[in-house]
Amino acid sequence: MGPEETASRADHATERAHADRHGAAHRVPAGDAPEHTGDEQIPPRRRHGTRLRDGSTLYWWRELLIVATLYVVYESIRNLSEGKPSAAFQNALRIIDWQKALSIYHEKTIQEWALKSTTLIVASNYFYGSAYIGVSIVILVWLYRRFPDDYPLLRNTLAIGTMLGLVGFAAFPLMPPRLLDVMGDGQVFGYVDTLVKYPTFWSFESPAMQKISNQFAAMPSLHCGWAVWGMGALLPRVRTWWMRTLAVLYPIATTFVVVATGNHYFLDAVGGAVIFTIGYGVARLVTRAGRRGRLVNPAIADR
């Protein structure tokens, strides 16, 4: 082995020793290594709820409980507040007289036109029985996920408007058009109960529905009120023209359906719009979550 080769090997040995000492200085003993619990892998939105700009937090499970509780309370009070048939019929006569004075008593004409198409009237039956709940739930979920800061105000608007509807049911029991010939004073109005005459999954005439449903909960129309709420929630937040068109058409279609099926008068729809307008005003006064303070973390603005 020559002198140059010996010197080269000595240099390599020195470099390896230096590397070993450097690595040992930064190596953590196995027993002292930090434990990985996995918390850093869980998105804050899932584990800790959705943080709002005012510092409050929304939890999906709590919102689910709130909405479910409100719906149960609404159905229970609604069905316990049924008025007497005589009072409901007299109120119906008042509504008809008021609408005639306003030249808007056209419910019979609209129903007669709709009855020319069995497909239209059956579709209206299903729309009446399911859309107001299904669409409202979809909008609530969409608001929670896409516009969490707006969600508390609009959720409270829905709740307050619905509770105001219960006050209307108790204070002004109203016989819907479909029951005028059946439960009235013998006058013939000529309305058809479309849920009875045409095939649907359910009907107010079934024994189960008669036991749990308030037949005179017509003023205000919560179907129309919830549709107005849905339009108000969607219109400022959707971007495409067709979604905005659907948002505007939703309360219009709902009003047509509740009239064509003989379940409401036009003034019931007006009443629904009024109570949800009031509900929005009250909600603005009492809602704090998502509305005060400024964003601390700019990333929150993207939620």
C-alpha atoms as a PDB file:
ATOM      1  CA  MET A   1       0.000   0.000   0.000  1.00  0.00           C
ATOM      2  CA  GLY A   2       1.524   3.341  -1.038  1.00  0.00           C
ATOM      3  CA  PRO A   3       1.657   6.528   0.983  1.00  0.00           C
ATOM      4  CA  GLU A   4      -1.078   8.213  -1.148  1.00  0.00           C
ATOM      5  CA  GLU A   5      -3.541   5.312  -0.706  1.00  0.00           C
ATOM      6  CA  THR A   6      -2.908   5.256   3.039  1.00  0.00           C
ATOM      7  CA  ALA A   7      -3.618   8.997   3.295  1.00  0.00           C
ATOM      8  CA  SER A   8      -6.857   8.650   1.260  1.00  0.00           C
ATOM      9  CA  ARG A   9      -8.168   5.898   3.527  1.00  0.00           C
ATOM     10  CA  ALA A  10      -7.329   7.982   6.596  1.00  0.00           C
ATOM     11  CA  ASP A  11      -9.286  10.924   5.168  1.00  0.00           C
ATOM     12  CA  HIS A  12     -12.372   8.717   4.536  1.00  0.00           C
ATOM     13  CA  ALA A  13     -12.223   7.318   8.055  1.00  0.00           C
ATOM     14  CA  THR A  14     -12.086  10.837   9.466  1.00  0.00           C
ATOM     15  CA  GLU A  15     -15.156  11.899   7.410  1.00  0.00           C
ATOM     16  CA  ARG A  16     -17.175   8.828   8.567  1.00  0.00           C
ATOM     17  CA  ALA A  17     -16.339   9.507  12.204  1.00  0.00           C
ATOM     18  CA  HIS A  18     -17.405  13.147  11.840  1.00  0.00           C
ATOM     19  CA  ALA A  19     -20.710  12.111  10.193  1.00  0.00           C
ATOM     20  CA  ASP A  20     -21.432   9.592  12.959  1.00  0.00           C
ATOM     21  CA  ARG A  21     -20.852  12.188  15.661  1.00  0.00           C
ATOM     22  CA  HIS A  22     -23.040  14.723  13.813  1.00  0.00           C
ATOM     23  CA  GLY A  23     -25.887  12.221  13.394  1.00  0.00           C
ATOM     24  CA  ALA A  24     -25.734  11.112  17.013  1.00  0.00           C
ATOM     25  CA  ALA A  25     -26.106  14.703  18.148  1.00  0.00           C
ATOM     26  CA  HIS A  26     -29.471  14.970  16.278  1.00  0.00           C
ATOM     27  CA  ARG A  27     -30.778  11.456  16.839  1.00  0.00           C
ATOM     28  CA  VAL A  28     -33.588  11.067  19.380  1.00  0.00           C
ATOM     29  CA  PRO A  29     -33.513   7.906  21.506  1.00  0.00           C
ATOM     30  CA  ALA A  30     -36.329   5.489  20.716  1.00  0.00           C
ATOM     31  CA  GLY A  31     -37.853   5.843  24.179  1.00  0.00           C
ATOM     32  CA  ASP A  32     -37.914   9.646  23.960  1.00  0.00           C
ATOM     33  CA  ALA A  33     -39.526   9.904  20.490  1.00  0.00           C
ATOM     34  CA  PRO A  34     -42.802  11.907  20.488  1.00  0.00           C
ATOM     35  CA  GLU A  35     -45.958   9.866  20.124  1.00  0.00           C
ATOM     36  CA  HIS A  36     -48.081  10.477  16.996  1.00  0.00           C
ATOM     37  CA  THR A  37     -51.697  10.452  18.141  1.00  0.00           C
ATOM     38  CA  GLY A  38     -53.030  11.300  14.701  1.00  0.00           C
ATOM     39  CA  ASP A  39     -54.623  14.571  15.883  1.00  0.00           C
ATOM     40  CA  GLU A  40     -52.611  16.553  13.392  1.00  0.00           C
ATOM     41  CA  GLN A  41     -54.182  14.505  10.584  1.00  0.00           C
ATOM     42  CA  ILE A  42     -57.784  15.337  11.540  1.00  0.00           C
ATOM     43  CA  PRO A  43     -59.150  18.467   9.858  1.00  0.00           C
ATOM     44  CA  PRO A  44     -60.343  21.019  12.438  1.00  0.00           C
ATOM     45  CA  ARG A  45     -63.718  21.181  10.684  1.00  0.00           C
ATOM     46  CA  ARG A  46     -64.445  17.529  11.438  1.00  0.00           C
ATOM     47  CA  ARG A  47     -63.019  17.197  14.930  1.00  0.00           C
ATOM     48  CA  HIS A  48     -63.740  20.608  16.399  1.00  0.00           C
ATOM     49  CA  GLY A  49     -66.764  21.762  14.411  1.00  0.00           C
ATOM     50  CA  THR A  50     -66.949  24.737  12.078  1.00  0.00           C
ATOM     51  CA  ARG A  51     -65.354  27.908  13.401  1.00  0.00           C
ATOM     52  CA  LEU A  52     -67.257  31.125  12.666  1.00  0.00           C
ATOM     53  CA  ARG A  53     -65.825  34.588  12.203  1.00  0.00           C
ATOM     54  CA  ASP A  54     -67.048  35.742  15.623  1.00  0.00           C
ATOM     55  CA  GLY A  55     -65.190  32.905  17.335  1.00  0.00           C
ATOM     56  CA  SER A  56     -68.214  30.669  17.973  1.00  0.00           C
ATOM     57  CA  THR A  57     -68.351  27.090  16.706  1.00  0.00           C
ATOM     58  CA  LEU A  58     -71.015  25.063  14.934  1.00  0.00           C
ATOM     59  CA  TYR A  59     -71.267  21.324  15.559  1.00  0.00           C
ATOM     60  CA  TRP A  60     -73.200  19.289  12.982  1.00  0.00           C
ATOM     61  CA  TRP A  61     -74.606  16.874  15.564  1.00  0.00           C
ATOM     62  CA  ARG A  62     -75.912  19.721  17.704  1.00  0.00           C
ATOM     63  CA  GLU A  63     -77.541  21.374  14.692  1.00  0.00           C
ATOM     64  CA  LEU A  64     -79.169  18.078  13.786  1.00  0.00           C
ATOM     65  CA  LEU A  65     -80.634  17.808  17.299  1.00  0.00           C
ATOM     66  CA  ILE A  66     -81.879  21.413  17.191  1.00  0.00           C
ATOM     67  CA  VAL A  67     -83.632  20.998  13.846  1.00  0.00           C
ATOM     68  CA  ALA A  68     -85.148  17.620  14.822  1.00  0.00           C
ATOM     69  CA  THR A  69     -86.394  19.012  18.144  1.00  0.00           C
ATOM     70  CA  LEU A  70     -87.942  22.055  16.488  1.00  0.00           C
ATOM     71  CA  TYR A  71     -89.734  19.856  13.965  1.00  0.00           C
ATOM     72  CA  VAL A  72     -91.143  17.564  16.678  1.00  0.00           C
ATOM     73  CA  VAL A  73     -92.291  20.564  18.739  1.00  0.00           C
ATOM     74  CA  TYR A  74     -93.863  22.136  15.660  1.00  0.00           C
ATOM     75  CA  GLU A  75     -95.791  19.017  14.683  1.00  0.00           C
ATOM     76  CA  SER A  76     -96.941  18.384  18.259  1.00  0.00           C
ATOM     77  CA  ILE A  77     -98.216  21.920  18.900  1.00  0.00           C
ATOM     78  CA  ARG A  78     -99.689  22.202  15.408  1.00  0.00           C
ATOM     79  CA  ASN A  79    -101.781  19.103  15.832  1.00  0.00           C
ATOM     80  CA  LEU A  80    -102.896  20.023  19.360  1.00  0.00           C
ATOM     81  CA  SER A  81    -104.157  23.469  18.353  1.00  0.00           C
ATOM     82  CA  GLU A  82    -106.978  22.405  16.025  1.00  0.00           C
ATOM     83  CA  GLY A  83    -109.957  24.748  16.237  1.00  0.00           C
ATOM     84  CA  LYS A  84    -113.646  23.994  15.977  1.00  0.00           C
ATOM     85  CA  PRO A  85    -115.064  23.271  12.501  1.00  0.00           C
ATOM     86  CA  SER A  86    -117.679  26.030  12.845  1.00  0.00           C
ATOM     87  CA  ALA A  87    -115.057  28.692  13.603  1.00  0.00           C
ATOM     88  CA  ALA A  88    -112.794  27.385  10.825  1.00  0.00           C
ATOM     89  CA  PHE A  89    -115.656  27.558   8.326  1.00  0.00           C
ATOM     90  CA  GLN A  90    -116.614  31.099   9.303  1.00  0.00           C
ATOM     91  CA  ASN A  91    -112.998  32.176   8.902  1.00  0.00           C
ATOM     92  CA  ALA A  92    -112.965  30.574   5.458  1.00  0.00           C
ATOM     93  CA  LEU A  93    -115.998  32.662   4.465  1.00  0.00           C
ATOM     94  CA  ARG A  94    -114.164  35.764   5.706  1.00  0.00           C
ATOM     95  CA  ILE A  95    -111.093  34.918   3.615  1.00  0.00           C
ATOM     96  CA  ILE A  96    -113.236  34.377   0.519  1.00  0.00           C
ATOM     97  CA  ASP A  97    -115.015  37.709   1.048  1.00  0.00           C
ATOM     98  CA  TRP A  98    -111.692  39.531   1.542  1.00  0.00           C
ATOM     99  CA  GLN A  99    -110.242  37.983  -1.608  1.00  0.00           C
ATOM    100  CA  LYS A 100    -113.345  38.852  -3.626  1.00  0.00           C
ATOM    101  CA  ALA A 101    -113.008  42.432  -2.444  1.00  0.00           C
ATOM    102  CA  LEU A 102    -109.375  42.369  -3.617  1.00  0.00           C
ATOM    103  CA  SER A 103    -110.304  40.607  -6.886  1.00  0.00           C
ATOM    104  CA  ILE A 104    -107.948  37.706  -6.129  1.00  0.00           C
ATOM    105  CA  TYR A 105    -110.453  34.924  -5.489  1.00  0.00           C
ATOM    106  CA  HIS A 106    -109.360  32.619  -8.328  1.00  0.00           C
ATOM    107  CA  GLU A 107    -108.608  29.370  -6.491  1.00  0.00           C
ATOM    108  CA  LYS A 108    -111.501  27.470  -8.076  1.00  0.00           C
ATOM    109  CA  THR A 109    -110.481  28.529 -11.603  1.00  0.00           C
ATOM    110  CA  ILE A 110    -106.866  27.471 -11.024  1.00  0.00           C
ATOM    111  CA  GLN A 111    -107.872  24.082  -9.639  1.00  0.00           C
ATOM    112  CA  GLU A 112    -110.274  23.422 -12.525  1.00  0.00           C
ATOM    113  CA  TRP A 113    -107.452  24.169 -14.985  1.00  0.00           C
ATOM    114  CA  ALA A 114    -104.988  21.914 -13.124  1.00  0.00           C
ATOM    115  CA  LEU A 115    -107.504  19.051 -12.961  1.00  0.00           C
ATOM    116  CA  LYS A 116    -107.444  18.792 -16.757  1.00  0.00           C
ATOM    117  CA  SER A 117    -104.082  17.018 -16.425  1.00  0.00           C
ATOM    118  CA  THR A 118    -103.906  13.991 -14.142  1.00  0.00           C
ATOM    119  CA  THR A 119    -100.119  14.035 -14.398  1.00  0.00           C
ATOM    120  CA  LEU A 120     -99.971  17.640 -13.247  1.00  0.00           C
ATOM    121  CA  ILE A 121    -102.313  17.159 -10.321  1.00  0.00           C
ATOM    122  CA  VAL A 122    -100.614  13.958  -9.105  1.00  0.00           C
ATOM    123  CA  ALA A 123     -97.228  15.680  -9.359  1.00  0.00           C
ATOM    124  CA  SER A 124     -98.701  18.584  -7.391  1.00  0.00           C
ATOM    125  CA  ASN A 125     -99.861  16.173  -4.697  1.00  0.00           C
ATOM    126  CA  TYR A 126     -96.365  14.756  -4.268  1.00  0.00           C
ATOM    127  CA  PHE A 127     -94.797  18.212  -4.406  1.00  0.00           C
ATOM    128  CA  TYR A 128     -97.191  19.380  -1.697  1.00  0.00           C
ATOM    129  CA  GLY A 129     -96.439  16.419   0.538  1.00  0.00           C
ATOM    130  CA  SER A 130     -92.667  16.314   0.303  1.00  0.00           C
ATOM    131  CA  ALA A 131     -90.907  19.317  -1.276  1.00  0.00           C
ATOM    132  CA  TYR A 132     -91.251  21.735   1.628  1.00  0.00           C
ATOM    133  CA  ILE A 133     -89.406  19.392   3.984  1.00  0.00           C
ATOM    134  CA  GLY A 134     -86.891  17.961   1.532  1.00  0.00           C
ATOM    135  CA  VAL A 135     -85.890  21.276  -0.027  1.00  0.00           C
ATOM    136  CA  SER A 136     -85.574  22.990   3.365  1.00  0.00           C
ATOM    137  CA  ILE A 137     -83.283  20.253   4.683  1.00  0.00           C
ATOM    138  CA  VAL A 138     -81.085  20.395   1.582  1.00  0.00           C
ATOM    139  CA  ILE A 139     -80.784  24.183   1.883  1.00  0.00           C
ATOM    140  CA  LEU A 140     -79.904  23.973   5.576  1.00  0.00           C
ATOM    141  CA  VAL A 141     -77.150  21.434   4.898  1.00  0.00           C
ATOM    142  CA  TRP A 142     -75.850  23.524   1.988  1.00  0.00           C
ATOM    143  CA  LEU A 143     -75.755  26.653   4.148  1.00  0.00           C
ATOM    144  CA  TYR A 144     -73.958  24.820   6.942  1.00  0.00           C
ATOM    145  CA  ARG A 145     -71.261  23.560   4.589  1.00  0.00           C
ATOM    146  CA  ARG A 146     -70.838  26.485   2.200  1.00  0.00           C
ATOM    147  CA  PHE A 147     -71.928  29.553   4.208  1.00  0.00           C
ATOM    148  CA  PRO A 148     -71.458  28.682   7.880  1.00  0.00           C
ATOM    149  CA  ASP A 149     -71.361  32.323   8.993  1.00  0.00           C
ATOM    150  CA  ASP A 150     -74.812  32.880   7.462  1.00  0.00           C
ATOM    151  CA  TYR A 151     -76.244  29.610   8.726  1.00  0.00           C
ATOM    152  CA  PRO A 152     -77.190  30.647  12.314  1.00  0.00           C
ATOM    153  CA  LEU A 153     -79.188  33.678  11.140  1.00  0.00           C
ATOM    154  CA  LEU A 154     -81.094  31.713   8.492  1.00  0.00           C
ATOM    155  CA  ARG A 155     -81.649  28.728  10.788  1.00  0.00           C
ATOM    156  CA  ASN A 156     -83.125  31.066  13.409  1.00  0.00           C
ATOM    157  CA  THR A 157     -85.268  32.741  10.740  1.00  0.00           C
ATOM    158  CA  LEU A 158     -86.713  29.354   9.803  1.00  0.00           C
ATOM    159  CA  ALA A 159     -87.366  28.473  13.440  1.00  0.00           C
ATOM    160  CA  ILE A 160     -88.950  31.812  14.404  1.00  0.00           C
ATOM    161  CA  GLY A 161     -91.102  31.974  11.274  1.00  0.00           C
ATOM    162  CA  THR A 162     -92.350  28.441  11.903  1.00  0.00           C
ATOM    163  CA  MET A 163     -93.221  29.225  15.532  1.00  0.00           C
ATOM    164  CA  LEU A 164     -95.119  32.321  14.395  1.00  0.00           C
ATOM    165  CA  GLY A 165     -97.084  30.032  12.090  1.00  0.00           C
ATOM    166  CA  LEU A 166     -98.222  28.043  15.117  1.00  0.00           C
ATOM    167  CA  VAL A 167     -99.585  31.240  16.636  1.00  0.00           C
ATOM    168  CA  GLY A 168    -101.559  31.825  13.449  1.00  0.00           C
ATOM    169  CA  PHE A 169    -103.009  28.291  13.511  1.00  0.00           C
ATOM    170  CA  ALA A 170    -104.245  28.749  17.078  1.00  0.00           C
ATOM    171  CA  ALA A 171    -105.535  32.311  16.621  1.00  0.00           C
ATOM    172  CA  PHE A 172    -107.187  31.863  13.215  1.00  0.00           C
ATOM    173  CA  PRO A 173    -108.259  28.258  12.487  1.00  0.00           C
ATOM    174  CA  LEU A 174    -109.130  28.123   8.808  1.00  0.00           C
ATOM    175  CA  MET A 175    -110.981  25.515   6.803  1.00  0.00           C
ATOM    176  CA  PRO A 176    -109.116  24.868   3.521  1.00  0.00           C
ATOM    177  CA  PRO A 177    -111.033  24.921   0.224  1.00  0.00           C
ATOM    178  CA  ARG A 178    -110.974  21.108  -0.111  1.00  0.00           C
ATOM    179  CA  LEU A 179    -113.108  20.742   3.046  1.00  0.00           C
ATOM    180  CA  LEU A 180    -115.727  23.424   2.375  1.00  0.00           C
ATOM    181  CA  ASP A 181    -118.250  21.065   0.746  1.00  0.00           C
ATOM    182  CA  VAL A 182    -117.575  18.293   3.264  1.00  0.00           C
ATOM    183  CA  MET A 183    -117.580  20.177   6.560  1.00  0.00           C
ATOM    184  CA  GLY A 184    -119.315  23.457   5.672  1.00  0.00           C
ATOM    185  CA  ASP A 185    -122.937  24.551   6.125  1.00  0.00           C
ATOM    186  CA  GLY A 186    -124.261  22.867   3.009  1.00  0.00           C
ATOM    187  CA  GLN A 187    -123.159  25.430   0.440  1.00  0.00           C
ATOM    188  CA  VAL A 188    -121.561  23.997  -2.670  1.00  0.00           C
ATOM    189  CA  PHE A 189    -118.175  25.486  -3.490  1.00  0.00           C
ATOM    190  CA  GLY A 190    -117.041  22.794  -5.921  1.00  0.00           C
ATOM    191  CA  TYR A 191    -113.487  22.214  -4.730  1.00  0.00           C
ATOM    192  CA  VAL A 192    -111.879  18.781  -5.104  1.00  0.00           C
ATOM    193  CA  ASP A 193    -109.715  17.149  -2.460  1.00  0.00           C
ATOM    194  CA  THR A 194    -107.003  16.013  -4.866  1.00  0.00           C
ATOM    195  CA  LEU A 195    -105.218  13.893  -2.262  1.00  0.00           C
ATOM    196  CA  VAL A 196    -108.369  11.786  -1.959  1.00  0.00           C
ATOM    197  CA  LYS A 197    -109.379  11.591  -5.613  1.00  0.00           C
ATOM    198  CA  TYR A 198    -105.966  10.989  -7.168  1.00  0.00           C
ATOM    199  CA  PRO A 199    -103.389   8.328  -6.250  1.00  0.00           C
ATOM    200  CA  THR A 200    -100.744   9.344  -3.724  1.00  0.00           C
ATOM    201  CA  PHE A 201     -98.850   7.619  -0.933  1.00  0.00           C
ATOM    202  CA  TRP A 202    -100.822   9.462   1.736  1.00  0.00           C
ATOM    203  CA  SER A 203    -104.064  11.382   2.262  1.00  0.00           C
ATOM    204  CA  PHE A 204    -105.647  13.524   4.961  1.00  0.00           C
ATOM    205  CA  GLU A 205    -108.607  11.165   4.799  1.00  0.00           C
ATOM    206  CA  SER A 206    -106.639   8.189   6.086  1.00  0.00           C
ATOM    207  CA  PRO A 207    -107.409   7.358   9.756  1.00  0.00           C
ATOM    208  CA  ALA A 208    -103.777   7.857  10.762  1.00  0.00           C
ATOM    209  CA  MET A 209    -103.523  11.303   9.155  1.00  0.00           C
ATOM    210  CA  GLN A 210    -106.848  12.414  10.634  1.00  0.00           C
ATOM    211  CA  LYS A 211    -105.534  11.614  14.105  1.00  0.00           C
ATOM    212  CA  ILE A 212    -102.218  13.429  13.802  1.00  0.00           C
ATOM    213  CA  SER A 213    -102.968  16.243  11.352  1.00  0.00           C
ATOM    214  CA  ASN A 214    -104.587  19.590  12.138  1.00  0.00           C
ATOM    215  CA  GLN A 215    -107.082  19.950   9.308  1.00  0.00           C
ATOM    216  CA  PHE A 216    -107.519  23.687   9.926  1.00  0.00           C
ATOM    217  CA  ALA A 217    -103.846  24.755   9.971  1.00  0.00           C
ATOM    218  CA  ALA A 218    -104.134  26.785   6.783  1.00  0.00           C
ATOM    219  CA  MET A 219    -103.404  30.387   7.812  1.00  0.00           C
ATOM    220  CA  PRO A 220    -100.578  31.114   7.314  1.00  0.00           C
ATOM    221  CA  SER A 221     -99.296  28.677   4.704  1.00  0.00           C
ATOM    222  CA  LEU A 222     -96.000  27.348   6.025  1.00  0.00           C
ATOM    223  CA  HIS A 223     -95.432  25.623   2.698  1.00  0.00           C
ATOM    224  CA  CYS A 224     -95.288  29.069   1.094  1.00  0.00           C
ATOM    225  CA  GLY A 225     -93.436  30.598   4.032  1.00  0.00           C
ATOM    226  CA  TRP A 226     -90.705  27.978   3.898  1.00  0.00           C
ATOM    227  CA  ALA A 227     -90.482  28.459   0.125  1.00  0.00           C
ATOM    228  CA  VAL A 228     -90.005  32.219   0.574  1.00  0.00           C
ATOM    229  CA  TRP A 229     -87.315  31.447   3.164  1.00  0.00           C
ATOM    230  CA  GLY A 230     -85.640  29.086   0.693  1.00  0.00           C
ATOM    231  CA  MET A 231     -85.637  31.749  -2.015  1.00  0.00           C
ATOM    232  CA  GLY A 232     -84.158  34.280   0.394  1.00  0.00           C
ATOM    233  CA  ALA A 233     -81.426  31.840   1.405  1.00  0.00           C
ATOM    234  CA  LEU A 234     -80.504  30.876  -2.155  1.00  0.00           C
ATOM    235  CA  LEU A 235     -80.870  34.010  -4.243  1.00  0.00           C
ATOM    236  CA  PRO A 236     -77.950  36.072  -2.833  1.00  0.00           C
ATOM    237  CA  ARG A 237     -75.623  33.046  -2.669  1.00  0.00           C
ATOM    238  CA  VAL A 238     -75.997  31.116  -5.907  1.00  0.00           C
ATOM    239  CA  ARG A 239     -74.062  32.283  -8.956  1.00  0.00           C
ATOM    240  CA  THR A 240     -75.589  30.593 -11.991  1.00  0.00           C
ATOM    241  CA  TRP A 241     -78.602  32.041 -13.763  1.00  0.00           C
ATOM    242  CA  TRP A 242     -80.486  28.740 -13.707  1.00  0.00           C
ATOM    243  CA  MET A 243     -80.090  28.367  -9.929  1.00  0.00           C
ATOM    244  CA  ARG A 244     -81.345  31.900  -9.432  1.00  0.00           C
ATOM    245  CA  THR A 245     -84.268  31.133 -11.711  1.00  0.00           C
ATOM    246  CA  LEU A 246     -85.110  28.020  -9.684  1.00  0.00           C
ATOM    247  CA  ALA A 247     -84.858  30.014  -6.464  1.00  0.00           C
ATOM    248  CA  VAL A 248     -87.426  32.522  -7.728  1.00  0.00           C
ATOM    249  CA  LEU A 249     -89.698  29.839  -9.193  1.00  0.00           C
ATOM    250  CA  TYR A 250     -89.743  27.806  -5.976  1.00  0.00           C
ATOM    251  CA  PRO A 251     -92.243  29.988  -4.013  1.00  0.00           C
ATOM    252  CA  ILE A 252     -94.256  30.598  -7.192  1.00  0.00           C
ATOM    253  CA  ALA A 253     -94.561  26.855  -7.856  1.00  0.00           C
ATOM    254  CA  THR A 254     -95.392  26.229  -4.193  1.00  0.00           C
ATOM    255  CA  THR A 255     -98.187  28.793  -4.254  1.00  0.00           C
ATOM    256  CA  PHE A 256     -99.624  27.208  -7.390  1.00  0.00           C
ATOM    257  CA  VAL A 257     -99.466  23.730  -5.839  1.00  0.00           C
ATOM    258  CA  VAL A 258    -101.133  24.620  -2.518  1.00  0.00           C
ATOM    259  CA  VAL A 259    -103.962  26.317  -4.422  1.00  0.00           C
ATOM    260  CA  ALA A 260    -104.370  23.664  -7.122  1.00  0.00           C
ATOM    261  CA  THR A 261    -104.598  20.883  -4.524  1.00  0.00           C
ATOM    262  CA  GLY A 262    -107.285  22.768  -2.581  1.00  0.00           C
ATOM    263  CA  ASN A 263    -105.198  23.162   0.563  1.00  0.00           C
ATOM    264  CA  HIS A 264    -104.854  26.953   0.733  1.00  0.00           C
ATOM    265  CA  TYR A 265    -106.159  30.322  -0.344  1.00  0.00           C
ATOM    266  CA  PHE A 266    -103.968  33.038  -1.831  1.00  0.00           C
ATOM    267  CA  LEU A 267    -104.061  35.032   1.391  1.00  0.00           C
ATOM    268  CA  ASP A 268    -102.584  32.019   3.199  1.00  0.00           C
ATOM    269  CA  ALA A 269     -99.542  32.340   0.946  1.00  0.00           C
ATOM    270  CA  VAL A 270     -99.335  36.050   1.739  1.00  0.00           C
ATOM    271  CA  GLY A 271     -99.526  35.219   5.431  1.00  0.00           C
ATOM    272  CA  GLY A 272     -96.647  32.765   5.052  1.00  0.00           C
ATOM    273  CA  ALA A 273     -94.467  35.403   3.409  1.00  0.00           C
ATOM    274  CA  VAL A 274     -95.335  37.936   6.122  1.00  0.00           C
ATOM    275  CA  ILE A 275     -94.448  35.738   9.106  1.00  0.00           C
ATOM    276  CA  PHE A 276     -91.089  34.783   7.612  1.00  0.00           C
ATOM    277  CA  THR A 277     -90.318  38.415   6.888  1.00  0.00           C
ATOM    278  CA  ILE A 278     -91.049  39.134  10.551  1.00  0.00           C
ATOM    279  CA  GLY A 279     -89.060  36.057  11.527  1.00  0.00           C
ATOM    280  CA  TYR A 280     -86.033  37.359   9.642  1.00  0.00           C
ATOM    281  CA  GLY A 281     -86.255  40.713  11.410  1.00  0.00           C
ATOM    282  CA  VAL A 282     -86.476  39.072  14.826  1.00  0.00           C
ATOM    283  CA  ALA A 283     -83.649  36.681  13.963  1.00  0.00           C
ATOM    284  CA  ARG A 284     -81.383  39.609  13.102  1.00  0.00           C
ATOM    285  CA  LEU A 285     -82.007  41.036  16.563  1.00  0.00           C
ATOM    286  CA  VAL A 286     -81.305  37.841  18.494  1.00  0.00           C
ATOM    287  CA  THR A 287     -78.648  36.082  16.397  1.00  0.00           C
ATOM    288  CA  ARG A 288     -75.007  36.706  17.337  1.00  0.00           C
ATOM    289  CA  ALA A 289     -73.182  33.638  16.022  1.00  0.00           C
ATOM    290  CA  GLY A 290     -71.330  34.337  12.783  1.00  0.00           C
ATOM    291  CA  ARG A 291     -72.261  38.026  12.725  1.00  0.00           C
ATOM    292  CA  ARG A 292     -69.918  39.894  15.085  1.00  0.00           C
ATOM    293  CA  GLY A 293     -66.150  40.337  15.186  1.00  0.00           C
ATOM    294  CA  ARG A 294     -63.592  40.055  12.413  1.00  0.00           C
ATOM    295  CA  LEU A 295     -61.800  37.096  10.957  1.00  0.00           C
ATOM    296  CA  VAL A 296     -58.668  36.184  12.872  1.00  0.00           C
ATOM    297  CA  ASN A 297     -57.545  33.583  10.381  1.00  0.00           C
ATOM    298  CA  PRO A 298     -58.054  34.573   6.720  1.00  0.00           C
ATOM    299  CA  ALA A 299     -58.365  30.888   5.809  1.00  0.00           C
ATOM    300  CA  ILE A 300     -61.743  30.821   7.547  1.00  0.00           C
ATOM    301  CA  ALA A 301     -63.133  33.159   4.906  1.00  0.00           C
ATOM    302  CA  ASP A 302     -62.859  30.397   2.339  1.00  0.00           C
ATOM    303  CA  ARG A 303     -65.213  28.073   4.205  1.00  0.00           C
END
